[in-house]
Amino acid sequence: MSKNEKQKKLRFYELPPMNRTPCIEFSGNREVVIEGSKGVLEYSAECVRVNTVGMVISLAGRELNLRCISDSSLIIDGFITNVEFTV
């Protein structure tokens, strides 16, 4: 295999830059950490909608709470029943 072919294969497996895609980490259905947030669009005990660079992330559930929020990340806890991604 030539060096050029190896480089093409490596590029295929590279992840997109973190500043262009959100990083979402779930702890079961009780907590979610979203890095790459650009703001909260909607917030209630049943629904949280978060704006990110490429999509809007909607979380539905019960007793949802914004436990921690910073300029680019947030932590939501509660009982998460549904997650929706809108491009």
PDB file of N, CA and C in Angstrom:
ATOM      1  N   MET A   1       0.844  -1.172   0.000  1.00  0.00           N
ATOM      2  CA  MET A   1       0.000   0.000   0.000  1.00  0.00           C
ATOM      3  C   MET A   1       0.894   1.241   0.000  1.00  0.00           C
ATOM      4  N   SER A   2       0.582   2.176  -0.883  1.00  0.00           N
ATOM      5  CA  SER A   2       1.403   3.381  -0.989  1.00  0.00           C
ATOM      6  C   SER A   2       1.132   4.337   0.176  1.00  0.00           C
ATOM      7  N   LYS A   3       2.031   5.279   0.339  1.00  0.00           N
ATOM      8  CA  LYS A   3       1.904   6.267   1.412  1.00  0.00           C
ATOM      9  C   LYS A   3       0.640   7.111   1.222  1.00  0.00           C
ATOM     10  N   ASN A   4       0.323   7.442  -0.025  1.00  0.00           N
ATOM     11  CA  ASN A   4      -0.854   8.243  -0.338  1.00  0.00           C
ATOM     12  C   ASN A   4      -2.138   7.508   0.039  1.00  0.00           C
ATOM     13  N   GLU A   5      -2.210   6.210  -0.238  1.00  0.00           N
ATOM     14  CA  GLU A   5      -3.388   5.417   0.112  1.00  0.00           C
ATOM     15  C   GLU A   5      -3.556   5.326   1.627  1.00  0.00           C
ATOM     16  N   LYS A   6      -2.428   5.188   2.349  1.00  0.00           N
ATOM     17  CA  LYS A   6      -2.489   5.132   3.809  1.00  0.00           C
ATOM     18  C   LYS A   6      -3.021   6.445   4.373  1.00  0.00           C
ATOM     19  N   GLN A   7      -2.572   7.563   3.822  1.00  0.00           N
ATOM     20  CA  GLN A   7      -3.034   8.865   4.295  1.00  0.00           C
ATOM     21  C   GLN A   7      -4.527   9.050   4.050  1.00  0.00           C
ATOM     22  N   LYS A   8      -5.022   8.564   2.897  1.00  0.00           N
ATOM     23  CA  LYS A   8      -6.455   8.666   2.608  1.00  0.00           C
ATOM     24  C   LYS A   8      -7.271   7.857   3.607  1.00  0.00           C
ATOM     25  N   LYS A   9      -6.798   6.667   3.936  1.00  0.00           N
ATOM     26  CA  LYS A   9      -7.505   5.838   4.907  1.00  0.00           C
ATOM     27  C   LYS A   9      -7.499   6.491   6.282  1.00  0.00           C
ATOM     28  N   LEU A  10      -6.372   7.074   6.684  1.00  0.00           N
ATOM     29  CA  LEU A  10      -6.301   7.745   7.983  1.00  0.00           C
ATOM     30  C   LEU A  10      -7.256   8.929   8.035  1.00  0.00           C
ATOM     31  N   ARG A  11      -7.343   9.700   6.950  1.00  0.00           N
ATOM     32  CA  ARG A  11      -8.247  10.849   6.915  1.00  0.00           C
ATOM     33  C   ARG A  11      -9.708  10.413   7.029  1.00  0.00           C
ATOM     34  N   PHE A  12     -10.034   9.245   6.500  1.00  0.00           N
ATOM     35  CA  PHE A  12     -11.403   8.743   6.568  1.00  0.00           C
ATOM     36  C   PHE A  12     -11.825   8.519   8.020  1.00  0.00           C
ATOM     37  N   TYR A  13     -10.890   8.062   8.851  1.00  0.00           N
ATOM     38  CA  TYR A  13     -11.204   7.745  10.242  1.00  0.00           C
ATOM     39  C   TYR A  13     -11.020   8.919  11.200  1.00  0.00           C
ATOM     40  N   GLU A  14     -10.530  10.037  10.717  1.00  0.00           N
ATOM     41  CA  GLU A  14     -10.350  11.204  11.584  1.00  0.00           C
ATOM     42  C   GLU A  14     -11.693  11.756  12.017  1.00  0.00           C
ATOM     43  N   LEU A  15     -11.763  12.218  13.238  1.00  0.00           N
ATOM     44  CA  LEU A  15     -12.975  12.848  13.740  1.00  0.00           C
ATOM     45  C   LEU A  15     -13.025  14.303  13.303  1.00  0.00           C
ATOM     46  N   PRO A  16     -14.232  14.838  13.111  1.00  0.00           N
ATOM     47  CA  PRO A  16     -14.311  16.259  12.772  1.00  0.00           C
ATOM     48  C   PRO A  16     -13.823  17.110  13.935  1.00  0.00           C
ATOM     49  N   PRO A  17     -13.373  18.320  13.659  1.00  0.00           N
ATOM     50  CA  PRO A  17     -12.893  19.191  14.734  1.00  0.00           C
ATOM     51  C   PRO A  17     -13.975  19.409  15.792  1.00  0.00           C
ATOM     52  N   MET A  18     -13.564  19.439  17.062  1.00  0.00           N
ATOM     53  CA  MET A  18     -14.514  19.554  18.167  1.00  0.00           C
ATOM     54  C   MET A  18     -15.270  20.879  18.160  1.00  0.00           C
ATOM     55  N   ASN A  19     -14.704  21.905  17.569  1.00  0.00           N
ATOM     56  CA  ASN A  19     -15.398  23.191  17.580  1.00  0.00           C
ATOM     57  C   ASN A  19     -16.565  23.232  16.597  1.00  0.00           C
ATOM     58  N   ARG A  20     -16.718  22.206  15.766  1.00  0.00           N
ATOM     59  CA  ARG A  20     -17.813  22.178  14.802  1.00  0.00           C
ATOM     60  C   ARG A  20     -18.900  21.172  15.146  1.00  0.00           C
ATOM     61  N   THR A  21     -18.667  20.313  16.116  1.00  0.00           N
ATOM     62  CA  THR A  21     -19.671  19.340  16.501  1.00  0.00           C
ATOM     63  C   THR A  21     -19.785  19.298  18.018  1.00  0.00           C
ATOM     64  N   PRO A  22     -21.010  19.146  18.514  1.00  0.00           N
ATOM     65  CA  PRO A  22     -21.150  19.068  19.967  1.00  0.00           C
ATOM     66  C   PRO A  22     -20.683  17.712  20.482  1.00  0.00           C
ATOM     67  N   CYS A  23     -20.237  17.679  21.710  1.00  0.00           N
ATOM     68  CA  CYS A  23     -19.882  16.442  22.391  1.00  0.00           C
ATOM     69  C   CYS A  23     -20.963  16.201  23.431  1.00  0.00           C
ATOM     70  N   ILE A  24     -21.628  15.042  23.355  1.00  0.00           N
ATOM     71  CA  ILE A  24     -22.746  14.737  24.232  1.00  0.00           C
ATOM     72  C   ILE A  24     -22.406  13.477  25.011  1.00  0.00           C
ATOM     73  N   GLU A  25     -22.476  13.566  26.336  1.00  0.00           N
ATOM     74  CA  GLU A  25     -22.136  12.426  27.184  1.00  0.00           C
ATOM     75  C   GLU A  25     -23.298  12.146  28.137  1.00  0.00           C
ATOM     76  N   PHE A  26     -23.847  10.935  28.041  1.00  0.00           N
ATOM     77  CA  PHE A  26     -24.961  10.535  28.887  1.00  0.00           C
ATOM     78  C   PHE A  26     -24.474   9.680  30.043  1.00  0.00           C
ATOM     79  N   SER A  27     -25.083   9.854  31.202  1.00  0.00           N
ATOM     80  CA  SER A  27     -24.910   8.958  32.337  1.00  0.00           C
ATOM     81  C   SER A  27     -26.273   8.312  32.560  1.00  0.00           C
ATOM     82  N   GLY A  28     -26.486   7.196  31.877  1.00  0.00           N
ATOM     83  CA  GLY A  28     -27.801   6.559  31.905  1.00  0.00           C
ATOM     84  C   GLY A  28     -28.834   7.497  31.319  1.00  0.00           C
ATOM     85  N   ASN A  29     -30.022   7.511  31.931  1.00  0.00           N
ATOM     86  CA  ASN A  29     -31.039   8.461  31.485  1.00  0.00           C
ATOM     87  C   ASN A  29     -31.288   9.533  32.549  1.00  0.00           C
ATOM     88  N   ARG A  30     -30.278   9.743  33.415  1.00  0.00           N
ATOM     89  CA  ARG A  30     -30.420  10.697  34.522  1.00  0.00           C
ATOM     90  C   ARG A  30     -29.587  11.966  34.369  1.00  0.00           C
ATOM     91  N   GLU A  31     -28.593  11.948  33.489  1.00  0.00           N
ATOM     92  CA  GLU A  31     -27.738  13.130  33.350  1.00  0.00           C
ATOM     93  C   GLU A  31     -27.145  13.171  31.948  1.00  0.00           C
ATOM     94  N   VAL A  32     -27.003  14.376  31.419  1.00  0.00           N
ATOM     95  CA  VAL A  32     -26.343  14.576  30.128  1.00  0.00           C
ATOM     96  C   VAL A  32     -25.456  15.817  30.226  1.00  0.00           C
ATOM     97  N   VAL A  33     -24.248  15.697  29.677  1.00  0.00           N
ATOM     98  CA  VAL A  33     -23.313  16.813  29.567  1.00  0.00           C
ATOM     99  C   VAL A  33     -23.208  17.158  28.087  1.00  0.00           C
ATOM    100  N   ILE A  34     -23.447  18.400  27.739  1.00  0.00           N
ATOM    101  CA  ILE A  34     -23.348  18.847  26.344  1.00  0.00           C
ATOM    102  C   ILE A  34     -22.251  19.899  26.274  1.00  0.00           C
ATOM    103  N   GLU A  35     -21.207  19.599  25.526  1.00  0.00           N
ATOM    104  CA  GLU A  35     -20.131  20.561  25.277  1.00  0.00           C
ATOM    105  C   GLU A  35     -20.276  21.069  23.852  1.00  0.00           C
ATOM    106  N   GLY A  36     -20.104  22.343  23.662  1.00  0.00           N
ATOM    107  CA  GLY A  36     -20.279  22.961  22.352  1.00  0.00           C
ATOM    108  C   GLY A  36     -21.615  23.679  22.252  1.00  0.00           C
ATOM    109  N   SER A  37     -22.197  23.996  23.383  1.00  0.00           N
ATOM    110  CA  SER A  37     -23.478  24.701  23.419  1.00  0.00           C
ATOM    111  C   SER A  37     -23.305  26.149  22.980  1.00  0.00           C
ATOM    112  N   LYS A  38     -24.297  26.643  22.258  1.00  0.00           N
ATOM    113  CA  LYS A  38     -24.312  28.055  21.878  1.00  0.00           C
ATOM    114  C   LYS A  38     -25.467  28.793  22.541  1.00  0.00           C
ATOM    115  N   GLY A  39     -26.161  28.091  23.465  1.00  0.00           N
ATOM    116  CA  GLY A  39     -27.242  28.738  24.195  1.00  0.00           C
ATOM    117  C   GLY A  39     -28.426  27.823  24.396  1.00  0.00           C
ATOM    118  N   VAL A  40     -29.232  28.159  25.388  1.00  0.00           N
ATOM    119  CA  VAL A  40     -30.445  27.401  25.689  1.00  0.00           C
ATOM    120  C   VAL A  40     -31.619  28.106  25.015  1.00  0.00           C
ATOM    121  N   LEU A  41     -32.355  27.369  24.188  1.00  0.00           N
ATOM    122  CA  LEU A  41     -33.490  27.937  23.465  1.00  0.00           C
ATOM    123  C   LEU A  41     -34.789  27.819  24.248  1.00  0.00           C
ATOM    124  N   GLU A  42     -34.922  26.736  25.010  1.00  0.00           N
ATOM    125  CA  GLU A  42     -36.138  26.501  25.791  1.00  0.00           C
ATOM    126  C   GLU A  42     -35.749  25.740  27.046  1.00  0.00           C
ATOM    127  N   TYR A  43     -36.403  26.090  28.150  1.00  0.00           N
ATOM    128  CA  TYR A  43     -36.089  25.419  29.405  1.00  0.00           C
ATOM    129  C   TYR A  43     -37.333  25.315  30.271  1.00  0.00           C
ATOM    130  N   SER A  44     -37.713  24.095  30.591  1.00  0.00           N
ATOM    131  CA  SER A  44     -38.789  23.838  31.545  1.00  0.00           C
ATOM    132  C   SER A  44     -38.484  22.504  32.219  1.00  0.00           C
ATOM    133  N   ALA A  45     -39.314  22.107  33.147  1.00  0.00           N
ATOM    134  CA  ALA A  45     -39.102  20.842  33.854  1.00  0.00           C
ATOM    135  C   ALA A  45     -39.364  19.637  32.948  1.00  0.00           C
ATOM    136  N   GLU A  46     -40.023  19.857  31.796  1.00  0.00           N
ATOM    137  CA  GLU A  46     -40.337  18.760  30.873  1.00  0.00           C
ATOM    138  C   GLU A  46     -39.542  18.796  29.575  1.00  0.00           C
ATOM    139  N   CYS A  47     -38.921  19.925  29.246  1.00  0.00           N
ATOM    140  CA  CYS A  47     -38.225  20.043  27.959  1.00  0.00           C
ATOM    141  C   CYS A  47     -37.057  21.031  28.055  1.00  0.00           C
ATOM    142  N   VAL A  48     -35.935  20.650  27.481  1.00  0.00           N
ATOM    143  CA  VAL A  48     -34.784  21.550  27.347  1.00  0.00           C
ATOM    144  C   VAL A  48     -34.322  21.463  25.903  1.00  0.00           C
ATOM    145  N   ARG A  49     -34.217  22.615  25.249  1.00  0.00           N
ATOM    146  CA  ARG A  49     -33.698  22.677  23.877  1.00  0.00           C
ATOM    147  C   ARG A  49     -32.421  23.486  23.890  1.00  0.00           C
ATOM    148  N   VAL A  50     -31.353  22.898  23.321  1.00  0.00           N
ATOM    149  CA  VAL A  50     -30.030  23.511  23.349  1.00  0.00           C
ATOM    150  C   VAL A  50     -29.565  23.743  21.919  1.00  0.00           C
ATOM    151  N   ASN A  51     -29.123  24.947  21.624  1.00  0.00           N
ATOM    152  CA  ASN A  51     -28.574  25.277  20.319  1.00  0.00           C
ATOM    153  C   ASN A  51     -27.088  24.925  20.298  1.00  0.00           C
ATOM    154  N   THR A  52     -26.652  24.250  19.241  1.00  0.00           N
ATOM    155  CA  THR A  52     -25.229  23.981  19.028  1.00  0.00           C
ATOM    156  C   THR A  52     -24.888  24.438  17.620  1.00  0.00           C
ATOM    157  N   VAL A  53     -23.636  24.273  17.217  1.00  0.00           N
ATOM    158  CA  VAL A  53     -23.201  24.766  15.911  1.00  0.00           C
ATOM    159  C   VAL A  53     -23.984  24.131  14.772  1.00  0.00           C
ATOM    160  N   GLY A  54     -24.144  22.819  14.777  1.00  0.00           N
ATOM    161  CA  GLY A  54     -24.755  22.151  13.640  1.00  0.00           C
ATOM    162  C   GLY A  54     -26.163  21.660  13.845  1.00  0.00           C
ATOM    163  N   MET A  55     -26.706  21.767  15.060  1.00  0.00           N
ATOM    164  CA  MET A  55     -28.016  21.196  15.319  1.00  0.00           C
ATOM    165  C   MET A  55     -28.621  21.765  16.596  1.00  0.00           C
ATOM    166  N   VAL A  56     -29.895  21.453  16.783  1.00  0.00           N
ATOM    167  CA  VAL A  56     -30.581  21.749  18.039  1.00  0.00           C
ATOM    168  C   VAL A  56     -30.843  20.412  18.720  1.00  0.00           C
ATOM    169  N   ILE A  57     -30.472  20.298  19.982  1.00  0.00           N
ATOM    170  CA  ILE A  57     -30.668  19.081  20.753  1.00  0.00           C
ATOM    171  C   ILE A  57     -31.833  19.321  21.699  1.00  0.00           C
ATOM    172  N   SER A  58     -32.877  18.489  21.581  1.00  0.00           N
ATOM    173  CA  SER A  58     -34.055  18.606  22.427  1.00  0.00           C
ATOM    174  C   SER A  58     -34.117  17.410  23.362  1.00  0.00           C
ATOM    175  N   LEU A  59     -34.238  17.687  24.645  1.00  0.00           N
ATOM    176  CA  LEU A  59     -34.366  16.646  25.661  1.00  0.00           C
ATOM    177  C   LEU A  59     -35.745  16.770  26.292  1.00  0.00           C
ATOM    178  N   ALA A  60     -36.451  15.658  26.381  1.00  0.00           N
ATOM    179  CA  ALA A  60     -37.754  15.647  27.040  1.00  0.00           C
ATOM    180  C   ALA A  60     -37.680  14.698  28.226  1.00  0.00           C
ATOM    181  N   GLY A  61     -38.480  14.975  29.250  1.00  0.00           N
ATOM    182  CA  GLY A  61     -38.475  14.113  30.418  1.00  0.00           C
ATOM    183  C   GLY A  61     -39.234  14.731  31.567  1.00  0.00           C
ATOM    184  N   ARG A  62     -38.846  14.336  32.781  1.00  0.00           N
ATOM    185  CA  ARG A  62     -39.487  14.833  33.993  1.00  0.00           C
ATOM    186  C   ARG A  62     -38.430  15.407  34.924  1.00  0.00           C
ATOM    187  N   GLU A  63     -38.802  16.477  35.592  1.00  0.00           N
ATOM    188  CA  GLU A  63     -37.927  17.121  36.580  1.00  0.00           C
ATOM    189  C   GLU A  63     -36.545  17.467  36.007  1.00  0.00           C
ATOM    190  N   LEU A  64     -36.519  17.955  34.765  1.00  0.00           N
ATOM    191  CA  LEU A  64     -35.249  18.340  34.139  1.00  0.00           C
ATOM    192  C   LEU A  64     -34.739  19.615  34.798  1.00  0.00           C
ATOM    193  N   ASN A  65     -33.438  19.662  34.990  1.00  0.00           N
ATOM    194  CA  ASN A  65     -32.821  20.772  35.705  1.00  0.00           C
ATOM    195  C   ASN A  65     -31.484  21.104  35.054  1.00  0.00           C
ATOM    196  N   LEU A  66     -31.238  22.385  34.791  1.00  0.00           N
ATOM    197  CA  LEU A  66     -29.920  22.831  34.328  1.00  0.00           C
ATOM    198  C   LEU A  66     -29.038  22.971  35.563  1.00  0.00           C
ATOM    199  N   ARG A  67     -28.260  21.951  35.825  1.00  0.00           N
ATOM    200  CA  ARG A  67     -27.457  21.946  37.051  1.00  0.00           C
ATOM    201  C   ARG A  67     -26.246  22.863  36.943  1.00  0.00           C
ATOM    202  N   CYS A  68     -25.633  22.916  35.767  1.00  0.00           N
ATOM    203  CA  CYS A  68     -24.428  23.735  35.585  1.00  0.00           C
ATOM    204  C   CYS A  68     -24.436  24.261  34.161  1.00  0.00           C
ATOM    205  N   ILE A  69     -24.114  25.541  34.005  1.00  0.00           N
ATOM    206  CA  ILE A  69     -24.076  26.124  32.669  1.00  0.00           C
ATOM    207  C   ILE A  69     -22.891  27.077  32.584  1.00  0.00           C
ATOM    208  N   SER A  70     -22.156  26.980  31.470  1.00  0.00           N
ATOM    209  CA  SER A  70     -21.050  27.894  31.206  1.00  0.00           C
ATOM    210  C   SER A  70     -21.222  28.438  29.796  1.00  0.00           C
ATOM    211  N   ASP A  71     -20.235  29.162  29.305  1.00  0.00           N
ATOM    212  CA  ASP A  71     -20.364  29.766  27.978  1.00  0.00           C
ATOM    213  C   ASP A  71     -20.404  28.741  26.848  1.00  0.00           C
ATOM    214  N   SER A  72     -19.906  27.506  27.049  1.00  0.00           N
ATOM    215  CA  SER A  72     -19.912  26.534  25.952  1.00  0.00           C
ATOM    216  C   SER A  72     -20.345  25.130  26.361  1.00  0.00           C
ATOM    217  N   SER A  73     -20.731  24.924  27.612  1.00  0.00           N
ATOM    218  CA  SER A  73     -21.179  23.598  28.015  1.00  0.00           C
ATOM    219  C   SER A  73     -22.233  23.695  29.104  1.00  0.00           C
ATOM    220  N   LEU A  74     -22.968  22.602  29.281  1.00  0.00           N
ATOM    221  CA  LEU A  74     -23.977  22.565  30.316  1.00  0.00           C
ATOM    222  C   LEU A  74     -24.236  21.133  30.766  1.00  0.00           C
ATOM    223  N   ILE A  75     -24.789  21.007  31.963  1.00  0.00           N
ATOM    224  CA  ILE A  75     -25.152  19.715  32.527  1.00  0.00           C
ATOM    225  C   ILE A  75     -26.636  19.754  32.844  1.00  0.00           C
ATOM    226  N   ILE A  76     -27.357  18.764  32.339  1.00  0.00           N
ATOM    227  CA  ILE A  76     -28.791  18.652  32.593  1.00  0.00           C
ATOM    228  C   ILE A  76     -29.016  17.349  33.342  1.00  0.00           C
ATOM    229  N   ASP A  77     -29.765  17.424  34.437  1.00  0.00           N
ATOM    230  CA  ASP A  77     -30.119  16.188  35.120  1.00  0.00           C
ATOM    231  C   ASP A  77     -31.633  16.107  35.274  1.00  0.00           C
ATOM    232  N   GLY A  78     -32.103  14.939  35.644  1.00  0.00           N
ATOM    233  CA  GLY A  78     -33.522  14.651  35.750  1.00  0.00           C
ATOM    234  C   GLY A  78     -33.772  13.274  35.164  1.00  0.00           C
ATOM    235  N   PHE A  79     -35.009  13.009  34.786  1.00  0.00           N
ATOM    236  CA  PHE A  79     -35.381  11.729  34.187  1.00  0.00           C
ATOM    237  C   PHE A  79     -35.597  11.962  32.702  1.00  0.00           C
ATOM    238  N   ILE A  80     -34.610  11.629  31.876  1.00  0.00           N
ATOM    239  CA  ILE A  80     -34.650  11.894  30.436  1.00  0.00           C
ATOM    240  C   ILE A  80     -35.361  10.740  29.728  1.00  0.00           C
ATOM    241  N   THR A  81     -36.420  11.071  28.990  1.00  0.00           N
ATOM    242  CA  THR A  81     -37.195  10.045  28.299  1.00  0.00           C
ATOM    243  C   THR A  81     -37.036  10.081  26.786  1.00  0.00           C
ATOM    244  N   ASN A  82     -36.596  11.223  26.244  1.00  0.00           N
ATOM    245  CA  ASN A  82     -36.490  11.341  24.796  1.00  0.00           C
ATOM    246  C   ASN A  82     -35.402  12.350  24.430  1.00  0.00           C
ATOM    247  N   VAL A  83     -34.648  12.037  23.375  1.00  0.00           N
ATOM    248  CA  VAL A  83     -33.636  12.951  22.838  1.00  0.00           C
ATOM    249  C   VAL A  83     -33.893  13.095  21.354  1.00  0.00           C
ATOM    250  N   GLU A  84     -33.877  14.338  20.874  1.00  0.00           N
ATOM    251  CA  GLU A  84     -34.126  14.593  19.455  1.00  0.00           C
ATOM    252  C   GLU A  84     -33.078  15.554  18.923  1.00  0.00           C
ATOM    253  N   PHE A  85     -32.582  15.258  17.731  1.00  0.00           N
ATOM    254  CA  PHE A  85     -31.596  16.111  17.070  1.00  0.00           C
ATOM    255  C   PHE A  85     -32.236  16.705  15.823  1.00  0.00           C
ATOM    256  N   THR A  86     -32.208  18.036  15.718  1.00  0.00           N
ATOM    257  CA  THR A  86     -32.773  18.726  14.562  1.00  0.00           C
ATOM    258  C   THR A  86     -31.641  19.472  13.859  1.00  0.00           C
ATOM    259  N   VAL A  87     -31.471  19.166  12.586  1.00  0.00           N
ATOM    260  CA  VAL A  87     -30.398  19.791  11.815  1.00  0.00           C
ATOM    261  C   VAL A  87     -30.931  21.020  11.133  1.00  0.00           C
TER     262      VAL A  87
END
